[in-house]
PDB file of N, CA and C in Angstrom:
ATOM      1  N   MET A   1     108.018 151.663 -26.280  1.00  0.00           N
ATOM      2  CA  MET A   1     107.206 150.458 -26.395  1.00  0.00           C
ATOM      3  C   MET A   1     105.912 150.659 -25.600  1.00  0.00           C
ATOM      4  N   MET A   2     104.785 150.394 -26.226  1.00  0.00           N
ATOM      5  CA  MET A   2     103.484 150.564 -25.574  1.00  0.00           C
ATOM      6  C   MET A   2     103.155 149.339 -24.724  1.00  0.00           C
ATOM      7  N   SER A   3     102.418 149.565 -23.656  1.00  0.00           N
ATOM      8  CA  SER A   3     101.949 148.455 -22.836  1.00  0.00           C
ATOM      9  C   SER A   3     100.807 147.736 -23.553  1.00  0.00           C
ATOM     10  N   GLU A   4     100.492 146.527 -23.092  1.00  0.00           N
ATOM     11  CA  GLU A   4      99.364 145.789 -23.683  1.00  0.00           C
ATOM     12  C   GLU A   4      98.088 146.607 -23.588  1.00  0.00           C
ATOM     13  N   GLN A   5      97.869 147.230 -22.437  1.00  0.00           N
ATOM     14  CA  GLN A   5      96.647 148.006 -22.242  1.00  0.00           C
ATOM     15  C   GLN A   5      96.572 149.166 -23.238  1.00  0.00           C
ATOM     16  N   GLU A   6      97.695 149.858 -23.434  1.00  0.00           N
ATOM     17  CA  GLU A   6      97.708 150.970 -24.396  1.00  0.00           C
ATOM     18  C   GLU A   6      97.431 150.474 -25.811  1.00  0.00           C
ATOM     19  N   LEU A   7      97.992 149.322 -26.166  1.00  0.00           N
ATOM     20  CA  LEU A   7      97.728 148.769 -27.493  1.00  0.00           C
ATOM     21  C   LEU A   7      96.263 148.392 -27.646  1.00  0.00           C
ATOM     22  N   LEU A   8      95.711 147.715 -26.638  1.00  0.00           N
ATOM     23  CA  LEU A   8      94.321 147.271 -26.727  1.00  0.00           C
ATOM     24  C   LEU A   8      93.347 148.440 -26.766  1.00  0.00           C
ATOM     25  N   GLU A   9      93.724 149.577 -26.224  1.00  0.00           N
ATOM     26  CA  GLU A   9      92.867 150.762 -26.276  1.00  0.00           C
ATOM     27  C   GLU A   9      92.760 151.320 -27.695  1.00  0.00           C
ATOM     28  N   ARG A  10      93.614 150.860 -28.593  1.00  0.00           N
ATOM     29  CA  ARG A  10      93.564 151.289 -29.991  1.00  0.00           C
ATOM     30  C   ARG A  10      92.472 150.548 -30.759  1.00  0.00           C
ATOM     31  N   ILE A  11      91.910 149.508 -30.153  1.00  0.00           N
ATOM     32  CA  ILE A  11      90.844 148.716 -30.782  1.00  0.00           C
ATOM     33  C   ILE A  11      89.526 149.055 -30.092  1.00  0.00           C
ATOM     34  N   THR A  12      88.506 149.347 -30.883  1.00  0.00           N
ATOM     35  CA  THR A  12      87.201 149.693 -30.313  1.00  0.00           C
ATOM     36  C   THR A  12      86.106 148.815 -30.910  1.00  0.00           C
ATOM     37  N   LEU A  13      85.025 148.712 -30.160  1.00  0.00           N
ATOM     38  CA  LEU A  13      83.838 147.987 -30.617  1.00  0.00           C
ATOM     39  C   LEU A  13      82.650 148.920 -30.454  1.00  0.00           C
ATOM     40  N   ASP A  14      81.946 149.145 -31.537  1.00  0.00           N
ATOM     41  CA  ASP A  14      80.775 150.014 -31.511  1.00  0.00           C
ATOM     42  C   ASP A  14      79.742 149.393 -32.449  1.00  0.00           C
ATOM     43  N   PRO A  15      78.558 149.060 -31.923  1.00  0.00           N
ATOM     44  CA  PRO A  15      77.545 148.435 -32.775  1.00  0.00           C
ATOM     45  C   PRO A  15      77.174 149.271 -34.000  1.00  0.00           C
ATOM     46  N   LYS A  16      77.456 150.574 -33.963  1.00  0.00           N
ATOM     47  CA  LYS A  16      77.122 151.449 -35.091  1.00  0.00           C
ATOM     48  C   LYS A  16      78.238 151.511 -36.145  1.00  0.00           C
ATOM     49  N   VAL A  17      79.380 150.905 -35.848  1.00  0.00           N
ATOM     50  CA  VAL A  17      80.512 150.936 -36.782  1.00  0.00           C
ATOM     51  C   VAL A  17      80.856 149.514 -37.193  1.00  0.00           C
ATOM     52  N   MET A  18      80.770 149.235 -38.478  1.00  0.00           N
ATOM     53  CA  MET A  18      81.121 147.923 -39.036  1.00  0.00           C
ATOM     54  C   MET A  18      80.401 146.786 -38.300  1.00  0.00           C
ATOM     55  N   THR A  19      79.130 147.015 -38.035  1.00  0.00           N
ATOM     56  CA  THR A  19      78.247 146.047 -37.358  1.00  0.00           C
ATOM     57  C   THR A  19      78.823 145.506 -36.048  1.00  0.00           C
ATOM     58  N   GLY A  20      79.594 146.343 -35.360  1.00  0.00           N
ATOM     59  CA  GLY A  20      80.101 145.964 -34.047  1.00  0.00           C
ATOM     60  C   GLY A  20      81.377 145.152 -34.046  1.00  0.00           C
ATOM     61  N   LYS A  21      81.973 144.949 -35.223  1.00  0.00           N
ATOM     62  CA  LYS A  21      83.251 144.231 -35.271  1.00  0.00           C
ATOM     63  C   LYS A  21      84.336 145.106 -34.655  1.00  0.00           C
ATOM     64  N   PRO A  22      85.361 144.493 -34.085  1.00  0.00           N
ATOM     65  CA  PRO A  22      86.464 145.302 -33.539  1.00  0.00           C
ATOM     66  C   PRO A  22      87.201 146.023 -34.669  1.00  0.00           C
ATOM     67  N   VAL A  23      87.390 147.323 -34.481  1.00  0.00           N
ATOM     68  CA  VAL A  23      88.065 148.151 -35.480  1.00  0.00           C
ATOM     69  C   VAL A  23      89.198 148.928 -34.834  1.00  0.00           C
ATOM     70  N   ILE A  24      90.111 149.379 -35.669  1.00  0.00           N
ATOM     71  CA  ILE A  24      91.164 150.271 -35.197  1.00  0.00           C
ATOM     72  C   ILE A  24      90.515 151.625 -34.934  1.00  0.00           C
ATOM     73  N   LYS A  25      90.726 152.134 -33.735  1.00  0.00           N
ATOM     74  CA  LYS A  25      90.097 153.385 -33.296  1.00  0.00           C
ATOM     75  C   LYS A  25      90.274 154.491 -34.337  1.00  0.00           C
ATOM     76  N   GLY A  26      89.185 155.161 -34.642  1.00  0.00           N
ATOM     77  CA  GLY A  26      89.217 156.282 -35.580  1.00  0.00           C
ATOM     78  C   GLY A  26      89.164 155.866 -37.044  1.00  0.00           C
ATOM     79  N   THR A  27      88.989 154.558 -37.289  1.00  0.00           N
ATOM     80  CA  THR A  27      88.919 154.072 -38.669  1.00  0.00           C
ATOM     81  C   THR A  27      87.718 153.154 -38.818  1.00  0.00           C
ATOM     82  N   ARG A  28      87.519 152.679 -40.029  1.00  0.00           N
ATOM     83  CA  ARG A  28      86.533 151.639 -40.291  1.00  0.00           C
ATOM     84  C   ARG A  28      87.254 150.364 -40.719  1.00  0.00           C
ATOM     85  N   LEU A  29      88.523 150.260 -40.362  1.00  0.00           N
ATOM     86  CA  LEU A  29      89.326 149.079 -40.677  1.00  0.00           C
ATOM     87  C   LEU A  29      89.201 148.076 -39.537  1.00  0.00           C
ATOM     88  N   THR A  30      88.651 146.915 -39.861  1.00  0.00           N
ATOM     89  CA  THR A  30      88.459 145.907 -38.826  1.00  0.00           C
ATOM     90  C   THR A  30      89.753 145.156 -38.545  1.00  0.00           C
ATOM     91  N   VAL A  31      89.837 144.630 -37.334  1.00  0.00           N
ATOM     92  CA  VAL A  31      90.953 143.766 -36.963  1.00  0.00           C
ATOM     93  C   VAL A  31      91.007 142.590 -37.936  1.00  0.00           C
ATOM     94  N   GLU A  32      89.855 142.037 -38.232  1.00  0.00           N
ATOM     95  CA  GLU A  32      89.764 140.907 -39.161  1.00  0.00           C
ATOM     96  C   GLU A  32      90.376 141.254 -40.517  1.00  0.00           C
ATOM     97  N   TYR A  33      90.094 142.435 -41.026  1.00  0.00           N
ATOM     98  CA  TYR A  33      90.609 142.855 -42.331  1.00  0.00           C
ATOM     99  C   TYR A  33      92.129 142.954 -42.314  1.00  0.00           C
ATOM    100  N   ILE A  34      92.667 143.571 -41.277  1.00  0.00           N
ATOM    101  CA  ILE A  34      94.124 143.720 -41.170  1.00  0.00           C
ATOM    102  C   ILE A  34      94.790 142.355 -41.050  1.00  0.00           C
ATOM    103  N   LEU A  35      94.232 141.466 -40.234  1.00  0.00           N
ATOM    104  CA  LEU A  35      94.799 140.125 -40.093  1.00  0.00           C
ATOM    105  C   LEU A  35      94.728 139.365 -41.412  1.00  0.00           C
ATOM    106  N   ASN A  36      93.658 139.554 -42.143  1.00  0.00           N
ATOM    107  CA  ASN A  36      93.509 138.902 -43.443  1.00  0.00           C
ATOM    108  C   ASN A  36      94.582 139.391 -44.428  1.00  0.00           C
ATOM    109  N   LEU A  37      94.861 140.691 -44.414  1.00  0.00           N
ATOM    110  CA  LEU A  37      95.920 141.215 -45.271  1.00  0.00           C
ATOM    111  C   LEU A  37      97.260 140.562 -44.931  1.00  0.00           C
ATOM    112  N   LEU A  38      97.557 140.475 -43.637  1.00  0.00           N
ATOM    113  CA  LEU A  38      98.806 139.853 -43.198  1.00  0.00           C
ATOM    114  C   LEU A  38      98.846 138.374 -43.574  1.00  0.00           C
ATOM    115  N   ALA A  39      97.728 137.684 -43.378  1.00  0.00           N
ATOM    116  CA  ALA A  39      97.657 136.251 -43.675  1.00  0.00           C
ATOM    117  C   ALA A  39      97.867 135.961 -45.156  1.00  0.00           C
ATOM    118  N   HIS A  40      97.507 136.915 -45.994  1.00  0.00           N
ATOM    119  CA  HIS A  40      97.654 136.725 -47.436  1.00  0.00           C
ATOM    120  C   HIS A  40      98.959 137.317 -47.974  1.00  0.00           C
ATOM    121  N   GLY A  41      99.874 137.613 -47.067  1.00  0.00           N
ATOM    122  CA  GLY A  41     101.220 137.975 -47.491  1.00  0.00           C
ATOM    123  C   GLY A  41     101.559 139.443 -47.571  1.00  0.00           C
ATOM    124  N   MET A  42     100.634 140.303 -47.239  1.00  0.00           N
ATOM    125  CA  MET A  42     100.949 141.728 -47.274  1.00  0.00           C
ATOM    126  C   MET A  42     101.831 142.041 -46.064  1.00  0.00           C
ATOM    127  N   SER A  43     102.862 142.814 -46.264  1.00  0.00           N
ATOM    128  CA  SER A  43     103.750 143.158 -45.153  1.00  0.00           C
ATOM    129  C   SER A  43     103.174 144.335 -44.368  1.00  0.00           C
ATOM    130  N   VAL A  44     103.680 144.514 -43.163  1.00  0.00           N
ATOM    131  CA  VAL A  44     103.253 145.657 -42.346  1.00  0.00           C
ATOM    132  C   VAL A  44     103.565 146.949 -43.099  1.00  0.00           C
ATOM    133  N   SER A  45     104.730 147.018 -43.698  1.00  0.00           N
ATOM    134  CA  SER A  45     105.109 148.223 -44.459  1.00  0.00           C
ATOM    135  C   SER A  45     104.129 148.509 -45.593  1.00  0.00           C
ATOM    136  N   GLU A  46     103.721 147.458 -46.291  1.00  0.00           N
ATOM    137  CA  GLU A  46     102.771 147.636 -47.392  1.00  0.00           C
ATOM    138  C   GLU A  46     101.414 148.121 -46.877  1.00  0.00           C
ATOM    139  N   ILE A  47     100.976 147.583 -45.746  1.00  0.00           N
ATOM    140  CA  ILE A  47      99.696 148.018 -45.158  1.00  0.00           C
ATOM    141  C   ILE A  47      99.786 149.484 -44.753  1.00  0.00           C
ATOM    142  N   LEU A  48     100.888 149.862 -44.111  1.00  0.00           N
ATOM    143  CA  LEU A  48     101.052 151.252 -43.677  1.00  0.00           C
ATOM    144  C   LEU A  48     101.130 152.205 -44.869  1.00  0.00           C
ATOM    145  N   GLU A  49     101.709 151.736 -45.955  1.00  0.00           N
ATOM    146  CA  GLU A  49     101.781 152.549 -47.171  1.00  0.00           C
ATOM    147  C   GLU A  49     100.391 152.709 -47.796  1.00  0.00           C
ATOM    148  N   GLU A  50      99.611 151.639 -47.792  1.00  0.00           N
ATOM    149  CA  GLU A  50      98.261 151.650 -48.368  1.00  0.00           C
ATOM    150  C   GLU A  50      97.291 152.490 -47.527  1.00  0.00           C
ATOM    151  N   TYR A  51      97.491 152.471 -46.224  1.00  0.00           N
ATOM    152  CA  TYR A  51      96.608 153.190 -45.298  1.00  0.00           C
ATOM    153  C   TYR A  51      97.460 154.141 -44.463  1.00  0.00           C
ATOM    154  N   PRO A  52      97.771 155.324 -44.994  1.00  0.00           N
ATOM    155  CA  PRO A  52      98.709 156.238 -44.337  1.00  0.00           C
ATOM    156  C   PRO A  52      98.300 156.692 -42.938  1.00  0.00           C
ATOM    157  N   GLY A  53      97.039 156.587 -42.581  1.00  0.00           N
ATOM    158  CA  GLY A  53      96.609 156.987 -41.245  1.00  0.00           C
ATOM    159  C   GLY A  53      96.946 155.971 -40.168  1.00  0.00           C
ATOM    160  N   LEU A  54      97.310 154.775 -40.577  1.00  0.00           N
ATOM    161  CA  LEU A  54      97.641 153.718 -39.615  1.00  0.00           C
ATOM    162  C   LEU A  54      99.076 153.853 -39.137  1.00  0.00           C
ATOM    163  N   THR A  55      99.320 153.256 -37.971  1.00  0.00           N
ATOM    164  CA  THR A  55     100.671 153.218 -37.415  1.00  0.00           C
ATOM    165  C   THR A  55     101.066 151.771 -37.152  1.00  0.00           C
ATOM    166  N   HIS A  56     102.339 151.576 -36.927  1.00  0.00           N
ATOM    167  CA  HIS A  56     102.838 150.244 -36.593  1.00  0.00           C
ATOM    168  C   HIS A  56     102.123 149.731 -35.332  1.00  0.00           C
ATOM    169  N   ALA A  57     101.874 150.625 -34.385  1.00  0.00           N
ATOM    170  CA  ALA A  57     101.181 150.242 -33.151  1.00  0.00           C
ATOM    171  C   ALA A  57      99.767 149.742 -33.439  1.00  0.00           C
ATOM    172  N   ASP A  58      99.105 150.276 -34.458  1.00  0.00           N
ATOM    173  CA  ASP A  58      97.764 149.802 -34.816  1.00  0.00           C
ATOM    174  C   ASP A  58      97.817 148.341 -35.262  1.00  0.00           C
ATOM    175  N   ILE A  59      98.846 147.994 -36.040  1.00  0.00           N
ATOM    176  CA  ILE A  59      98.992 146.606 -36.505  1.00  0.00           C
ATOM    177  C   ILE A  59      99.302 145.704 -35.314  1.00  0.00           C
ATOM    178  N   GLN A  60     100.190 146.165 -34.432  1.00  0.00           N
ATOM    179  CA  GLN A  60     100.493 145.404 -33.217  1.00  0.00           C
ATOM    180  C   GLN A  60      99.236 145.196 -32.389  1.00  0.00           C
ATOM    181  N   ALA A  61      98.404 146.221 -32.302  1.00  0.00           N
ATOM    182  CA  ALA A  61      97.165 146.135 -31.532  1.00  0.00           C
ATOM    183  C   ALA A  61      96.245 145.059 -32.108  1.00  0.00           C
ATOM    184  N   CYS A  62      96.173 144.977 -33.429  1.00  0.00           N
ATOM    185  CA  CYS A  62      95.351 143.945 -34.069  1.00  0.00           C
ATOM    186  C   CYS A  62      95.852 142.549 -33.704  1.00  0.00           C
ATOM    187  N   LEU A  63      97.151 142.361 -33.769  1.00  0.00           N
ATOM    188  CA  LEU A  63      97.734 141.057 -33.435  1.00  0.00           C
ATOM    189  C   LEU A  63      97.504 140.713 -31.968  1.00  0.00           C
ATOM    190  N   LEU A  64      97.685 141.686 -31.095  1.00  0.00           N
ATOM    191  CA  LEU A  64      97.472 141.439 -29.667  1.00  0.00           C
ATOM    192  C   LEU A  64      96.008 141.138 -29.387  1.00  0.00           C
ATOM    193  N   PHE A  65      95.108 141.891 -30.001  1.00  0.00           N
ATOM    194  CA  PHE A  65      93.675 141.660 -29.809  1.00  0.00           C
ATOM    195  C   PHE A  65      93.311 140.233 -30.209  1.00  0.00           C
ATOM    196  N   ALA A  66      93.809 139.796 -31.370  1.00  0.00           N
ATOM    197  CA  ALA A  66      93.518 138.444 -31.841  1.00  0.00           C
ATOM    198  C   ALA A  66      94.078 137.402 -30.882  1.00  0.00           C
ATOM    199  N   THR A  67      95.278 137.627 -30.390  1.00  0.00           N
ATOM    200  CA  THR A  67      95.894 136.708 -29.433  1.00  0.00           C
ATOM    201  C   THR A  67      95.043 136.594 -28.171  1.00  0.00           C
ATOM    202  N   LYS A  68      94.619 137.722 -27.651  1.00  0.00           N
ATOM    203  CA  LYS A  68      93.789 137.726 -26.434  1.00  0.00           C
ATOM    204  C   LYS A  68      92.440 137.065 -26.693  1.00  0.00           C
ATOM    205  N   ALA A  69      91.861 137.322 -27.861  1.00  0.00           N
ATOM    206  CA  ALA A  69      90.550 136.748 -28.192  1.00  0.00           C
ATOM    207  C   ALA A  69      90.629 135.230 -28.292  1.00  0.00           C
ATOM    208  N   LEU A  70      91.725 134.711 -28.812  1.00  0.00           N
ATOM    209  CA  LEU A  70      91.874 133.266 -28.981  1.00  0.00           C
ATOM    210  C   LEU A  70      92.324 132.564 -27.713  1.00  0.00           C
ATOM    211  N   ALA A  71      92.877 133.300 -26.769  1.00  0.00           N
ATOM    212  CA  ALA A  71      93.421 132.698 -25.550  1.00  0.00           C
ATOM    213  C   ALA A  71      92.355 131.960 -24.738  1.00  0.00           C
ATOM    214  N   ASP A  72      91.129 132.405 -24.809  1.00  0.00           N
ATOM    215  CA  ASP A  72      90.067 131.809 -23.997  1.00  0.00           C
ATOM    216  C   ASP A  72      89.148 130.887 -24.789  1.00  0.00           C
ATOM    217  N   THR A  73      89.575 130.443 -25.945  1.00  0.00           N
ATOM    218  CA  THR A  73      88.733 129.577 -26.757  1.00  0.00           C
ATOM    219  C   THR A  73      89.439 128.270 -27.055  1.00  0.00           C
ATOM    220  N   SER A  74      88.659 127.288 -27.366  1.00  0.00           N
ATOM    221  CA  SER A  74      89.220 126.032 -27.849  1.00  0.00           C
ATOM    222  C   SER A  74      89.314 126.140 -29.357  1.00  0.00           C
ATOM    223  N   PHE A  75      90.408 125.693 -29.894  1.00  0.00           N
ATOM    224  CA  PHE A  75      90.604 125.793 -31.334  1.00  0.00           C
ATOM    225  C   PHE A  75      90.592 124.412 -31.942  1.00  0.00           C
ATOM    226  N   MET A  76      89.766 124.232 -32.962  1.00  0.00           N
ATOM    227  CA  MET A  76      89.699 122.963 -33.680  1.00  0.00           C
ATOM    228  C   MET A  76      90.201 123.218 -35.088  1.00  0.00           C
ATOM    229  N   PRO A  77      91.236 122.499 -35.521  1.00  0.00           N
ATOM    230  CA  PRO A  77      91.698 122.677 -36.896  1.00  0.00           C
ATOM    231  C   PRO A  77      90.571 122.340 -37.875  1.00  0.00           C
ATOM    232  N   LEU A  78      90.561 123.027 -38.997  1.00  0.00           N
ATOM    233  CA  LEU A  78      89.527 122.769 -39.998  1.00  0.00           C
ATOM    234  C   LEU A  78      89.723 121.415 -40.654  1.00  0.00           C
ATOM    235  N   ILE A  79      90.975 121.005 -40.811  1.00  0.00           N
ATOM    236  CA  ILE A  79      91.272 119.691 -41.407  1.00  0.00           C
ATOM    237  C   ILE A  79      92.051 118.884 -40.383  1.00  0.00           C
ATOM    238  N   PRO A  80      91.480 117.765 -39.917  1.00  0.00           N
ATOM    239  CA  PRO A  80      92.203 116.962 -38.915  1.00  0.00           C
ATOM    240  C   PRO A  80      93.502 116.416 -39.505  1.00  0.00           C
ATOM    241  N   GLU A  81      94.542 116.421 -38.663  1.00  0.00           N
ATOM    242  CA  GLU A  81      95.819 115.861 -39.090  1.00  0.00           C
ATOM    243  C   GLU A  81      95.723 114.342 -39.083  1.00  0.00           C
ATOM    244  N   SER A  82      96.325 113.713 -40.086  1.00  0.00           N
ATOM    245  CA  SER A  82      96.341 112.252 -40.108  1.00  0.00           C
ATOM    246  C   SER A  82      97.577 111.764 -39.371  1.00  0.00           C
ATOM    247  N   ALA A  83      97.426 110.609 -38.745  1.00  0.00           N
ATOM    248  CA  ALA A  83      98.522 110.073 -37.927  1.00  0.00           C
ATOM    249  C   ALA A  83      99.633 109.498 -38.763  1.00  0.00           C
TER     250      ALA A  83
END
């Protein structure tokens, strides 16, 4: 099992790659893209099959990165819940 720090080191930000969006190290696959695939129902296995260079740890790193990024923000639902 990798530590949080080891997982987060799998995500890089470089203004010259994908306009500075966070990407999985050594790829042009953004964290946003991977999360979008998961959100639309693609399984981790399907993603790994589609992108053979990725590992399960890369997907975990994307999820952890998103969790850390959201931890320090206020979140407003797009549609307010009715009482």
